[in-house]
Amino acid sequence: MSELYHVSASPHQRAAVRTTHIMQMVVVALLPAAIFGIWHFGYRAALHILITIAACVITEYLYEYFMHKTITVSDFSAVVTGLLLAMNLPVAAPLWIGALGGVFAILVVKQLFGGIGQNFMNPALGARCFLLISFAGHMTNFTYDTYSTATPLATLKETGVLPDVSSMITGNIPGTIGETCTIALLIGAAFLILMGVISIRIPLMYFLSFVIFMGLFGKGGIGQGFEIHFLAAHLAGGGLMLGAWFMATDYVTSPITKHGQLLYGILLGVLTGIFRCFGNSAEGVSYAIIIGNLLVPLIEKITIPKPFGKGGERQ
């Protein structure tokens, strides 16, 4: 009798689109930024991407094989995790960094908590934070070939000198493999929105709350941050675009209620602003999304709509 039922983690939603198709569309959406990263940084970026994806896929296959679980590598979720993690790596990092991060993402963050649909945080971001804590020197080294300076956000935080925003938008700056070109990331985001894969609610509230926070508290506070050049640099710099469009919108680790998604986006924007304004690092997107992931159960608890007949309105 038990074979007649497939028991899985909530939420349970009926849809014609399968997980594999969604993951494949995410891969397609990430390709413009990934291809630009390879063109921008060279063959080493391609090696990072291939090694990290391979580590994720192999780890998932071996774990499920030896644990006698259904093999799910064909659903492309491990490929998405590997690609996202690789795009969050500096090209100068050792090649084993991506492999280690891939194993951590799949084994510790995903599979030990039950596999796809049951991980409590985004696997790629969980692995990136693990690598940042464990190998800070490698993960913050952006010196490679023609690039010998810090990222634009780091320079802005240290010196107060505004960077060239046009270079940040076109990707002609140092940074991680997949975060430098805003145009490529926006192309991928537009594809996901048009295909109905993601909603604009979380990214929109993320950007809006972040801009307001940076305007109030950036550049010393008292509203001195409401300067277009300053705000544009923070929007285009770092991992904000990559995180907001491709990781904050992760189905498993983001709220499913509409009001919850709005509150979640506001939370991410405020946290990112706090980290960038008052933290030691010029970044903060990864930690903001991880903290947001941990608070999703609470957000959904306070935003879940009341059923009709018990105080709720007719839909």
C-alpha atoms as a PDB file:
ATOM      1  CA  MET A   1       0.000   0.000   0.000  1.00  0.00           C
ATOM      2  CA  SER A   2       2.851   2.418   0.825  1.00  0.00           C
ATOM      3  CA  GLU A   3       4.077   2.151  -2.754  1.00  0.00           C
ATOM      4  CA  LEU A   4       0.946   3.940  -3.921  1.00  0.00           C
ATOM      5  CA  TYR A   5       2.048   7.176  -2.283  1.00  0.00           C
ATOM      6  CA  HIS A   6       5.013   9.438  -2.778  1.00  0.00           C
ATOM      7  CA  VAL A   7       5.756  11.218   0.480  1.00  0.00           C
ATOM      8  CA  SER A   8       7.806  14.391   0.159  1.00  0.00           C
ATOM      9  CA  ALA A   9       8.494  17.581   2.060  1.00  0.00           C
ATOM     10  CA  SER A  10       6.041  20.464   1.897  1.00  0.00           C
ATOM     11  CA  PRO A  11       5.023  22.671   0.210  1.00  0.00           C
ATOM     12  CA  HIS A  12       2.934  20.470  -2.078  1.00  0.00           C
ATOM     13  CA  GLN A  13       1.958  22.238  -5.275  1.00  0.00           C
ATOM     14  CA  ARG A  14       0.589  20.831  -8.502  1.00  0.00           C
ATOM     15  CA  ALA A  15       2.200  22.144 -11.668  1.00  0.00           C
ATOM     16  CA  ALA A  16       2.731  20.975 -15.205  1.00  0.00           C
ATOM     17  CA  VAL A  17       6.371  22.079 -15.138  1.00  0.00           C
ATOM     18  CA  ARG A  18       8.734  19.546 -13.606  1.00  0.00           C
ATOM     19  CA  THR A  19      11.815  20.219 -11.478  1.00  0.00           C
ATOM     20  CA  THR A  20      14.152  19.133 -14.259  1.00  0.00           C
ATOM     21  CA  HIS A  21      12.697  21.657 -16.694  1.00  0.00           C
ATOM     22  CA  ILE A  22      12.918  24.474 -14.137  1.00  0.00           C
ATOM     23  CA  MET A  23      16.547  23.667 -13.335  1.00  0.00           C
ATOM     24  CA  GLN A  24      17.421  23.521 -17.011  1.00  0.00           C
ATOM     25  CA  MET A  25      15.942  26.992 -17.518  1.00  0.00           C
ATOM     26  CA  VAL A  26      17.979  28.299 -14.581  1.00  0.00           C
ATOM     27  CA  VAL A  27      21.126  26.892 -16.196  1.00  0.00           C
ATOM     28  CA  VAL A  28      20.224  28.607 -19.467  1.00  0.00           C
ATOM     29  CA  ALA A  29      19.615  31.872 -17.612  1.00  0.00           C
ATOM     30  CA  LEU A  30      23.031  31.657 -15.937  1.00  0.00           C
ATOM     31  CA  LEU A  31      24.868  30.976 -19.202  1.00  0.00           C
ATOM     32  CA  PRO A  32      25.261  34.647 -20.313  1.00  0.00           C
ATOM     33  CA  ALA A  33      27.046  35.566 -17.071  1.00  0.00           C
ATOM     34  CA  ALA A  34      29.048  32.324 -17.046  1.00  0.00           C
ATOM     35  CA  ILE A  35      30.164  32.734 -20.655  1.00  0.00           C
ATOM     36  CA  PHE A  36      31.116  36.345 -20.013  1.00  0.00           C
ATOM     37  CA  GLY A  37      33.105  35.241 -16.964  1.00  0.00           C
ATOM     38  CA  ILE A  38      35.051  32.740 -19.069  1.00  0.00           C
ATOM     39  CA  TRP A  39      35.680  35.358 -21.763  1.00  0.00           C
ATOM     40  CA  HIS A  40      36.631  37.965 -19.163  1.00  0.00           C
ATOM     41  CA  PHE A  41      38.916  35.859 -16.949  1.00  0.00           C
ATOM     42  CA  GLY A  42      40.096  33.167 -19.352  1.00  0.00           C
ATOM     43  CA  TYR A  43      40.278  29.384 -19.370  1.00  0.00           C
ATOM     44  CA  ARG A  44      40.798  29.157 -15.595  1.00  0.00           C
ATOM     45  CA  ALA A  45      37.228  30.338 -15.053  1.00  0.00           C
ATOM     46  CA  ALA A  46      36.003  27.489 -17.273  1.00  0.00           C
ATOM     47  CA  LEU A  47      38.042  25.020 -15.196  1.00  0.00           C
ATOM     48  CA  HIS A  48      36.468  26.309 -11.986  1.00  0.00           C
ATOM     49  CA  ILE A  49      32.988  25.893 -13.449  1.00  0.00           C
ATOM     50  CA  LEU A  50      33.607  22.381 -14.795  1.00  0.00           C
ATOM     51  CA  ILE A  51      35.341  21.120 -11.639  1.00  0.00           C
ATOM     52  CA  THR A  52      32.723  22.548  -9.273  1.00  0.00           C
ATOM     53  CA  ILE A  53      29.788  21.176 -11.278  1.00  0.00           C
ATOM     54  CA  ALA A  54      31.482  17.779 -11.524  1.00  0.00           C
ATOM     55  CA  ALA A  55      32.104  17.719  -7.758  1.00  0.00           C
ATOM     56  CA  CYS A  56      28.436  18.460  -7.065  1.00  0.00           C
ATOM     57  CA  VAL A  57      27.073  15.877  -9.503  1.00  0.00           C
ATOM     58  CA  ILE A  58      29.485  13.124  -8.432  1.00  0.00           C
ATOM     59  CA  THR A  59      28.870  13.780  -4.723  1.00  0.00           C
ATOM     60  CA  GLU A  60      25.105  13.588  -5.176  1.00  0.00           C
ATOM     61  CA  TYR A  61      25.343  10.409  -7.237  1.00  0.00           C
ATOM     62  CA  LEU A  62      27.697   8.625  -4.813  1.00  0.00           C
ATOM     63  CA  TYR A  63      25.694   9.608  -1.721  1.00  0.00           C
ATOM     64  CA  GLU A  64      22.391   8.445  -3.188  1.00  0.00           C
ATOM     65  CA  TYR A  65      23.969   5.274  -4.574  1.00  0.00           C
ATOM     66  CA  PHE A  66      25.552   4.166  -1.297  1.00  0.00           C
ATOM     67  CA  MET A  67      22.531   5.256   0.773  1.00  0.00           C
ATOM     68  CA  HIS A  68      20.277   3.221  -1.574  1.00  0.00           C
ATOM     69  CA  LYS A  69      18.207   6.270  -2.462  1.00  0.00           C
ATOM     70  CA  THR A  70      16.721   7.234  -5.811  1.00  0.00           C
ATOM     71  CA  ILE A  71      19.412   8.732  -8.057  1.00  0.00           C
ATOM     72  CA  THR A  72      18.361  12.319  -8.797  1.00  0.00           C
ATOM     73  CA  VAL A  73      21.366  13.775 -10.647  1.00  0.00           C
ATOM     74  CA  SER A  74      19.299  13.931 -13.827  1.00  0.00           C
ATOM     75  CA  ASP A  75      17.078  16.663 -12.339  1.00  0.00           C
ATOM     76  CA  PHE A  76      19.903  19.205 -12.890  1.00  0.00           C
ATOM     77  CA  SER A  77      19.651  20.593  -9.333  1.00  0.00           C
ATOM     78  CA  ALA A  78      23.243  19.558  -8.597  1.00  0.00           C
ATOM     79  CA  VAL A  79      24.337  21.216 -11.854  1.00  0.00           C
ATOM     80  CA  VAL A  80      22.643  24.463 -10.800  1.00  0.00           C
ATOM     81  CA  THR A  81      24.311  24.302  -7.375  1.00  0.00           C
ATOM     82  CA  GLY A  82      27.728  23.722  -8.920  1.00  0.00           C
ATOM     83  CA  LEU A  83      27.312  26.484 -11.485  1.00  0.00           C
ATOM     84  CA  LEU A  84      26.132  29.010  -8.893  1.00  0.00           C
ATOM     85  CA  LEU A  85      28.960  28.122  -6.520  1.00  0.00           C
ATOM     86  CA  ALA A  86      31.565  28.401  -9.286  1.00  0.00           C
ATOM     87  CA  MET A  87      30.212  31.811 -10.297  1.00  0.00           C
ATOM     88  CA  ASN A  88      30.738  32.931  -6.694  1.00  0.00           C
ATOM     89  CA  LEU A  89      34.426  32.008  -6.742  1.00  0.00           C
ATOM     90  CA  PRO A  90      37.334  34.347  -7.550  1.00  0.00           C
ATOM     91  CA  VAL A  91      39.220  33.052 -10.549  1.00  0.00           C
ATOM     92  CA  ALA A  92      42.541  33.239  -8.653  1.00  0.00           C
ATOM     93  CA  ALA A  93      41.362  30.708  -6.054  1.00  0.00           C
ATOM     94  CA  PRO A  94      42.924  27.219  -6.186  1.00  0.00           C
ATOM     95  CA  LEU A  95      40.966  24.785  -8.318  1.00  0.00           C
ATOM     96  CA  TRP A  96      40.398  22.450  -5.367  1.00  0.00           C
ATOM     97  CA  ILE A  97      38.366  25.183  -3.651  1.00  0.00           C
ATOM     98  CA  GLY A  98      35.402  24.605  -5.963  1.00  0.00           C
ATOM     99  CA  ALA A  99      35.610  20.825  -5.547  1.00  0.00           C
ATOM    100  CA  LEU A 100      35.625  21.096  -1.751  1.00  0.00           C
ATOM    101  CA  GLY A 101      32.782  23.598  -1.817  1.00  0.00           C
ATOM    102  CA  GLY A 102      30.770  21.353  -4.131  1.00  0.00           C
ATOM    103  CA  VAL A 103      31.114  18.394  -1.773  1.00  0.00           C
ATOM    104  CA  PHE A 104      30.071  20.552   1.191  1.00  0.00           C
ATOM    105  CA  ALA A 105      27.089  22.029  -0.674  1.00  0.00           C
ATOM    106  CA  ILE A 106      25.645  18.689  -1.742  1.00  0.00           C
ATOM    107  CA  LEU A 107      26.635  16.461   1.164  1.00  0.00           C
ATOM    108  CA  VAL A 108      26.270  18.725   4.196  1.00  0.00           C
ATOM    109  CA  VAL A 109      23.737  21.369   3.174  1.00  0.00           C
ATOM    110  CA  LYS A 110      21.524  19.313   0.863  1.00  0.00           C
ATOM    111  CA  GLN A 111      21.663  15.534   1.262  1.00  0.00           C
ATOM    112  CA  LEU A 112      22.126  15.251   5.028  1.00  0.00           C
ATOM    113  CA  PHE A 113      18.889  17.202   5.437  1.00  0.00           C
ATOM    114  CA  GLY A 114      16.915  14.957   3.105  1.00  0.00           C
ATOM    115  CA  GLY A 115      17.851  16.069  -0.417  1.00  0.00           C
ATOM    116  CA  ILE A 116      16.162  18.477  -2.791  1.00  0.00           C
ATOM    117  CA  GLY A 117      13.210  20.297  -1.268  1.00  0.00           C
ATOM    118  CA  GLN A 118      14.357  19.802   2.331  1.00  0.00           C
ATOM    119  CA  ASN A 119      17.563  21.826   2.605  1.00  0.00           C
ATOM    120  CA  PHE A 120      17.160  24.739   5.025  1.00  0.00           C
ATOM    121  CA  MET A 121      19.506  27.080   3.160  1.00  0.00           C
ATOM    122  CA  ASN A 122      20.703  27.576  -0.404  1.00  0.00           C
ATOM    123  CA  PRO A 123      23.426  24.916  -0.924  1.00  0.00           C
ATOM    124  CA  ALA A 124      25.640  27.107  -3.129  1.00  0.00           C
ATOM    125  CA  LEU A 125      25.546  30.005  -0.666  1.00  0.00           C
ATOM    126  CA  GLY A 126      26.040  27.706   2.297  1.00  0.00           C
ATOM    127  CA  ALA A 127      29.170  26.348   0.621  1.00  0.00           C
ATOM    128  CA  ARG A 128      30.404  29.842  -0.280  1.00  0.00           C
ATOM    129  CA  CYS A 129      30.061  31.008   3.324  1.00  0.00           C
ATOM    130  CA  PHE A 130      31.875  27.843   4.469  1.00  0.00           C
ATOM    131  CA  LEU A 131      34.722  28.611   2.072  1.00  0.00           C
ATOM    132  CA  LEU A 132      34.828  32.291   3.090  1.00  0.00           C
ATOM    133  CA  ILE A 133      35.174  31.357   6.745  1.00  0.00           C
ATOM    134  CA  SER A 134      37.664  28.547   6.165  1.00  0.00           C
ATOM    135  CA  PHE A 135      39.798  30.033   3.374  1.00  0.00           C
ATOM    136  CA  ALA A 136      39.295  33.792   3.597  1.00  0.00           C
ATOM    137  CA  GLY A 137      42.604  34.552   1.893  1.00  0.00           C
ATOM    138  CA  HIS A 138      41.788  32.511  -1.213  1.00  0.00           C
ATOM    139  CA  MET A 139      38.164  33.655  -1.374  1.00  0.00           C
ATOM    140  CA  THR A 140      39.036  37.354  -1.202  1.00  0.00           C
ATOM    141  CA  ASN A 141      41.997  37.304  -3.586  1.00  0.00           C
ATOM    142  CA  PHE A 142      40.904  39.006  -6.807  1.00  0.00           C
ATOM    143  CA  THR A 143      44.393  39.522  -8.199  1.00  0.00           C
ATOM    144  CA  TYR A 144      44.638  37.788 -11.549  1.00  0.00           C
ATOM    145  CA  ASP A 145      46.504  38.655 -14.767  1.00  0.00           C
ATOM    146  CA  THR A 146      45.634  42.279 -15.583  1.00  0.00           C
ATOM    147  CA  TYR A 147      43.689  42.766 -12.341  1.00  0.00           C
ATOM    148  CA  SER A 148      45.855  43.665  -9.357  1.00  0.00           C
ATOM    149  CA  THR A 149      43.453  45.910  -7.460  1.00  0.00           C
ATOM    150  CA  ALA A 150      40.577  45.311  -5.064  1.00  0.00           C
ATOM    151  CA  THR A 151      36.982  45.135  -6.223  1.00  0.00           C
ATOM    152  CA  PRO A 152      35.187  48.455  -6.831  1.00  0.00           C
ATOM    153  CA  LEU A 153      33.105  48.060  -3.661  1.00  0.00           C
ATOM    154  CA  ALA A 154      36.176  47.388  -1.541  1.00  0.00           C
ATOM    155  CA  THR A 155      37.893  50.458  -2.995  1.00  0.00           C
ATOM    156  CA  LEU A 156      34.770  52.539  -2.376  1.00  0.00           C
ATOM    157  CA  LYS A 157      34.566  51.391   1.247  1.00  0.00           C
ATOM    158  CA  GLU A 158      38.259  52.014   1.933  1.00  0.00           C
ATOM    159  CA  THR A 159      38.782  55.301   0.092  1.00  0.00           C
ATOM    160  CA  GLY A 160      35.321  56.740  -0.490  1.00  0.00           C
ATOM    161  CA  VAL A 161      36.184  57.241  -4.174  1.00  0.00           C
ATOM    162  CA  LEU A 162      33.268  56.394  -6.436  1.00  0.00           C
ATOM    163  CA  PRO A 163      34.126  53.774  -9.109  1.00  0.00           C
ATOM    164  CA  ASP A 164      33.295  53.871 -12.803  1.00  0.00           C
ATOM    165  CA  VAL A 165      29.740  52.524 -12.861  1.00  0.00           C
ATOM    166  CA  SER A 166      29.775  51.931 -16.622  1.00  0.00           C
ATOM    167  CA  SER A 167      32.680  49.497 -16.191  1.00  0.00           C
ATOM    168  CA  MET A 168      30.767  47.737 -13.421  1.00  0.00           C
ATOM    169  CA  ILE A 169      27.691  47.350 -15.612  1.00  0.00           C
ATOM    170  CA  THR A 170      29.669  45.974 -18.553  1.00  0.00           C
ATOM    171  CA  GLY A 171      31.817  43.752 -16.332  1.00  0.00           C
ATOM    172  CA  ASN A 172      35.246  45.276 -16.922  1.00  0.00           C
ATOM    173  CA  ILE A 173      36.185  44.945 -13.243  1.00  0.00           C
ATOM    174  CA  PRO A 174      37.724  42.406 -10.850  1.00  0.00           C
ATOM    175  CA  GLY A 175      35.353  40.172  -8.899  1.00  0.00           C
ATOM    176  CA  THR A 176      34.056  36.635  -8.800  1.00  0.00           C
ATOM    177  CA  ILE A 177      33.547  34.708 -12.025  1.00  0.00           C
ATOM    178  CA  GLY A 178      29.834  35.344 -12.428  1.00  0.00           C
ATOM    179  CA  GLU A 179      29.110  38.616 -10.656  1.00  0.00           C
ATOM    180  CA  THR A 180      30.960  41.236 -12.689  1.00  0.00           C
ATOM    181  CA  CYS A 181      28.681  41.806 -15.702  1.00  0.00           C
ATOM    182  CA  THR A 182      25.355  43.342 -14.676  1.00  0.00           C
ATOM    183  CA  ILE A 183      24.039  43.248 -18.244  1.00  0.00           C
ATOM    184  CA  ALA A 184      24.567  39.485 -18.557  1.00  0.00           C
ATOM    185  CA  LEU A 185      22.847  38.858 -15.214  1.00  0.00           C
ATOM    186  CA  LEU A 186      19.875  41.015 -16.176  1.00  0.00           C
ATOM    187  CA  ILE A 187      19.501  39.103 -19.452  1.00  0.00           C
ATOM    188  CA  GLY A 188      19.304  35.869 -17.498  1.00  0.00           C
ATOM    189  CA  ALA A 189      16.878  37.374 -14.986  1.00  0.00           C
ATOM    190  CA  ALA A 190      14.602  38.633 -17.767  1.00  0.00           C
ATOM    191  CA  PHE A 191      14.542  35.133 -19.254  1.00  0.00           C
ATOM    192  CA  LEU A 192      13.456  33.589 -15.938  1.00  0.00           C
ATOM    193  CA  ILE A 193      10.723  36.197 -15.457  1.00  0.00           C
ATOM    194  CA  LEU A 194       9.377  35.777 -18.996  1.00  0.00           C
ATOM    195  CA  MET A 195       9.348  31.993 -18.606  1.00  0.00           C
ATOM    196  CA  GLY A 196       7.475  32.319 -15.313  1.00  0.00           C
ATOM    197  CA  VAL A 197      10.229  30.587 -13.337  1.00  0.00           C
ATOM    198  CA  ILE A 198      10.644  33.368 -10.760  1.00  0.00           C
ATOM    199  CA  SER A 199       8.514  36.204  -9.466  1.00  0.00           C
ATOM    200  CA  ILE A 200       9.782  39.770  -9.397  1.00  0.00           C
ATOM    201  CA  ARG A 201       8.463  40.319  -5.848  1.00  0.00           C
ATOM    202  CA  ILE A 202      11.560  39.237  -3.912  1.00  0.00           C
ATOM    203  CA  PRO A 203      14.192  40.974  -6.113  1.00  0.00           C
ATOM    204  CA  LEU A 204      12.087  44.147  -6.362  1.00  0.00           C
ATOM    205  CA  MET A 205      11.672  44.502  -2.601  1.00  0.00           C
ATOM    206  CA  TYR A 206      15.307  43.506  -2.122  1.00  0.00           C
ATOM    207  CA  PHE A 207      16.531  46.343  -4.366  1.00  0.00           C
ATOM    208  CA  LEU A 208      14.034  48.886  -3.055  1.00  0.00           C
ATOM    209  CA  SER A 209      14.763  48.310   0.636  1.00  0.00           C
ATOM    210  CA  PHE A 210      18.511  48.173  -0.047  1.00  0.00           C
ATOM    211  CA  VAL A 211      18.476  51.497  -1.926  1.00  0.00           C
ATOM    212  CA  ILE A 212      16.496  53.184   0.856  1.00  0.00           C
ATOM    213  CA  PHE A 213      18.821  51.797   3.535  1.00  0.00           C
ATOM    214  CA  MET A 214      21.982  52.825   1.663  1.00  0.00           C
ATOM    215  CA  GLY A 215      20.493  56.242   1.002  1.00  0.00           C
ATOM    216  CA  LEU A 216      19.861  56.767   4.713  1.00  0.00           C
ATOM    217  CA  PHE A 217      22.989  55.228   6.181  1.00  0.00           C
ATOM    218  CA  GLY A 218      25.543  55.148   3.354  1.00  0.00           C
ATOM    219  CA  LYS A 219      28.341  57.708   3.150  1.00  0.00           C
ATOM    220  CA  GLY A 220      28.132  58.537   6.845  1.00  0.00           C
ATOM    221  CA  GLY A 221      24.349  58.591   7.222  1.00  0.00           C
ATOM    222  CA  ILE A 222      22.008  61.610   7.417  1.00  0.00           C
ATOM    223  CA  GLY A 223      20.737  60.832   3.956  1.00  0.00           C
ATOM    224  CA  GLN A 224      24.090  61.492   2.270  1.00  0.00           C
ATOM    225  CA  GLY A 225      23.804  58.256   0.340  1.00  0.00           C
ATOM    226  CA  PHE A 226      20.953  59.429  -1.884  1.00  0.00           C
ATOM    227  CA  GLU A 227      23.331  60.029  -4.759  1.00  0.00           C
ATOM    228  CA  ILE A 228      22.647  58.263  -8.042  1.00  0.00           C
ATOM    229  CA  HIS A 229      26.282  57.405  -8.725  1.00  0.00           C
ATOM    230  CA  PHE A 230      26.760  56.008  -5.220  1.00  0.00           C
ATOM    231  CA  LEU A 231      23.573  53.924  -5.288  1.00  0.00           C
ATOM    232  CA  ALA A 232      24.242  52.653  -8.820  1.00  0.00           C
ATOM    233  CA  ALA A 233      27.712  51.494  -7.771  1.00  0.00           C
ATOM    234  CA  HIS A 234      26.262  49.498  -4.887  1.00  0.00           C
ATOM    235  CA  LEU A 235      23.531  47.987  -7.051  1.00  0.00           C
ATOM    236  CA  ALA A 236      25.924  46.939  -9.814  1.00  0.00           C
ATOM    237  CA  GLY A 237      28.781  45.968  -7.510  1.00  0.00           C
ATOM    238  CA  GLY A 238      29.469  42.749  -5.685  1.00  0.00           C
ATOM    239  CA  GLY A 239      27.092  39.826  -5.723  1.00  0.00           C
ATOM    240  CA  LEU A 240      23.840  41.768  -5.360  1.00  0.00           C
ATOM    241  CA  MET A 241      22.500  41.104  -8.860  1.00  0.00           C
ATOM    242  CA  LEU A 242      23.570  37.450  -8.842  1.00  0.00           C
ATOM    243  CA  GLY A 243      22.180  36.891  -5.367  1.00  0.00           C
ATOM    244  CA  ALA A 244      18.903  38.772  -5.766  1.00  0.00           C
ATOM    245  CA  TRP A 245      17.847  37.182  -9.061  1.00  0.00           C
ATOM    246  CA  PHE A 246      19.280  33.668  -8.833  1.00  0.00           C
ATOM    247  CA  MET A 247      19.677  32.717  -5.149  1.00  0.00           C
ATOM    248  CA  ALA A 248      17.192  34.746  -3.118  1.00  0.00           C
ATOM    249  CA  THR A 249      14.434  33.409  -5.397  1.00  0.00           C
ATOM    250  CA  ASP A 250      15.278  29.753  -4.734  1.00  0.00           C
ATOM    251  CA  TYR A 251      11.955  27.897  -4.361  1.00  0.00           C
ATOM    252  CA  VAL A 252      13.053  25.738  -1.430  1.00  0.00           C
ATOM    253  CA  THR A 253      14.596  28.416   0.784  1.00  0.00           C
ATOM    254  CA  SER A 254      12.291  31.388   0.110  1.00  0.00           C
ATOM    255  CA  PRO A 255       8.704  31.993   1.321  1.00  0.00           C
ATOM    256  CA  ILE A 256       5.781  30.734  -0.747  1.00  0.00           C
ATOM    257  CA  THR A 257       3.253  33.315   0.479  1.00  0.00           C
ATOM    258  CA  LYS A 258       3.052  36.633  -1.398  1.00  0.00           C
ATOM    259  CA  HIS A 259       3.291  38.761   1.735  1.00  0.00           C
ATOM    260  CA  GLY A 260       6.078  36.531   2.974  1.00  0.00           C
ATOM    261  CA  GLN A 261       8.066  37.121  -0.213  1.00  0.00           C
ATOM    262  CA  LEU A 262       7.684  40.883   0.168  1.00  0.00           C
ATOM    263  CA  LEU A 263       8.821  40.761   3.798  1.00  0.00           C
ATOM    264  CA  TYR A 264      11.672  38.424   2.868  1.00  0.00           C
ATOM    265  CA  GLY A 265      12.902  40.822   0.174  1.00  0.00           C
ATOM    266  CA  ILE A 266      12.812  43.751   2.601  1.00  0.00           C
ATOM    267  CA  LEU A 267      14.752  41.723   5.165  1.00  0.00           C
ATOM    268  CA  LEU A 268      17.460  40.857   2.619  1.00  0.00           C
ATOM    269  CA  GLY A 269      17.823  44.482   1.536  1.00  0.00           C
ATOM    270  CA  VAL A 270      18.174  45.742   5.111  1.00  0.00           C
ATOM    271  CA  LEU A 271      20.645  43.004   6.079  1.00  0.00           C
ATOM    272  CA  THR A 272      22.787  43.614   2.991  1.00  0.00           C
ATOM    273  CA  GLY A 273      22.790  47.338   3.767  1.00  0.00           C
ATOM    274  CA  ILE A 274      23.830  46.696   7.373  1.00  0.00           C
ATOM    275  CA  PHE A 275      26.707  44.465   6.307  1.00  0.00           C
ATOM    276  CA  ARG A 276      27.941  46.909   3.669  1.00  0.00           C
ATOM    277  CA  CYS A 277      27.628  50.037   5.810  1.00  0.00           C
ATOM    278  CA  PHE A 278      28.722  48.775   9.210  1.00  0.00           C
ATOM    279  CA  GLY A 279      30.578  45.522   8.536  1.00  0.00           C
ATOM    280  CA  ASN A 280      34.270  45.024   7.887  1.00  0.00           C
ATOM    281  CA  SER A 281      33.627  43.572   4.437  1.00  0.00           C
ATOM    282  CA  ALA A 282      32.412  45.521   1.412  1.00  0.00           C
ATOM    283  CA  GLU A 283      30.019  42.690   0.578  1.00  0.00           C
ATOM    284  CA  GLY A 284      27.243  41.006   2.553  1.00  0.00           C
ATOM    285  CA  VAL A 285      24.832  39.441   0.056  1.00  0.00           C
ATOM    286  CA  SER A 286      25.725  35.833   0.876  1.00  0.00           C
ATOM    287  CA  TYR A 287      25.324  36.227   4.627  1.00  0.00           C
ATOM    288  CA  ALA A 288      22.137  38.250   4.205  1.00  0.00           C
ATOM    289  CA  ILE A 289      20.481  35.524   2.122  1.00  0.00           C
ATOM    290  CA  ILE A 290      21.674  32.763   4.463  1.00  0.00           C
ATOM    291  CA  ILE A 291      20.197  34.571   7.487  1.00  0.00           C
ATOM    292  CA  GLY A 292      17.033  35.195   5.476  1.00  0.00           C
ATOM    293  CA  ASN A 293      16.825  31.464   4.672  1.00  0.00           C
ATOM    294  CA  LEU A 294      16.952  30.635   8.375  1.00  0.00           C
ATOM    295  CA  LEU A 295      14.119  33.061   9.105  1.00  0.00           C
ATOM    296  CA  VAL A 296      11.823  31.822   6.324  1.00  0.00           C
ATOM    297  CA  PRO A 297       9.830  29.460   8.623  1.00  0.00           C
ATOM    298  CA  LEU A 298       9.081  32.393  10.942  1.00  0.00           C
ATOM    299  CA  ILE A 299       8.183  34.660   8.009  1.00  0.00           C
ATOM    300  CA  GLU A 300       5.760  32.087   6.641  1.00  0.00           C
ATOM    301  CA  LYS A 301       4.239  31.531  10.076  1.00  0.00           C
ATOM    302  CA  ILE A 302       3.283  35.183  10.428  1.00  0.00           C
ATOM    303  CA  THR A 303       2.238  35.716   6.803  1.00  0.00           C
ATOM    304  CA  ILE A 304       0.253  32.561   6.058  1.00  0.00           C
ATOM    305  CA  PRO A 305      -3.292  33.592   5.001  1.00  0.00           C
ATOM    306  CA  LYS A 306      -6.220  32.588   7.186  1.00  0.00           C
ATOM    307  CA  PRO A 307      -8.582  30.048   5.609  1.00  0.00           C
ATOM    308  CA  PHE A 308     -12.016  31.222   4.489  1.00  0.00           C
ATOM    309  CA  GLY A 309     -14.511  30.733   7.301  1.00  0.00           C
ATOM    310  CA  LYS A 310     -11.882  31.342   9.986  1.00  0.00           C
ATOM    311  CA  GLY A 311     -11.293  35.004   9.448  1.00  0.00           C
ATOM    312  CA  GLY A 312      -9.894  34.838   5.940  1.00  0.00           C
ATOM    313  CA  GLU A 313     -11.404  36.504   2.894  1.00  0.00           C
ATOM    314  CA  ARG A 314     -12.847  34.710  -0.116  1.00  0.00           C
ATOM    315  CA  GLN A 315     -10.171  34.414  -2.823  1.00  0.00           C
END
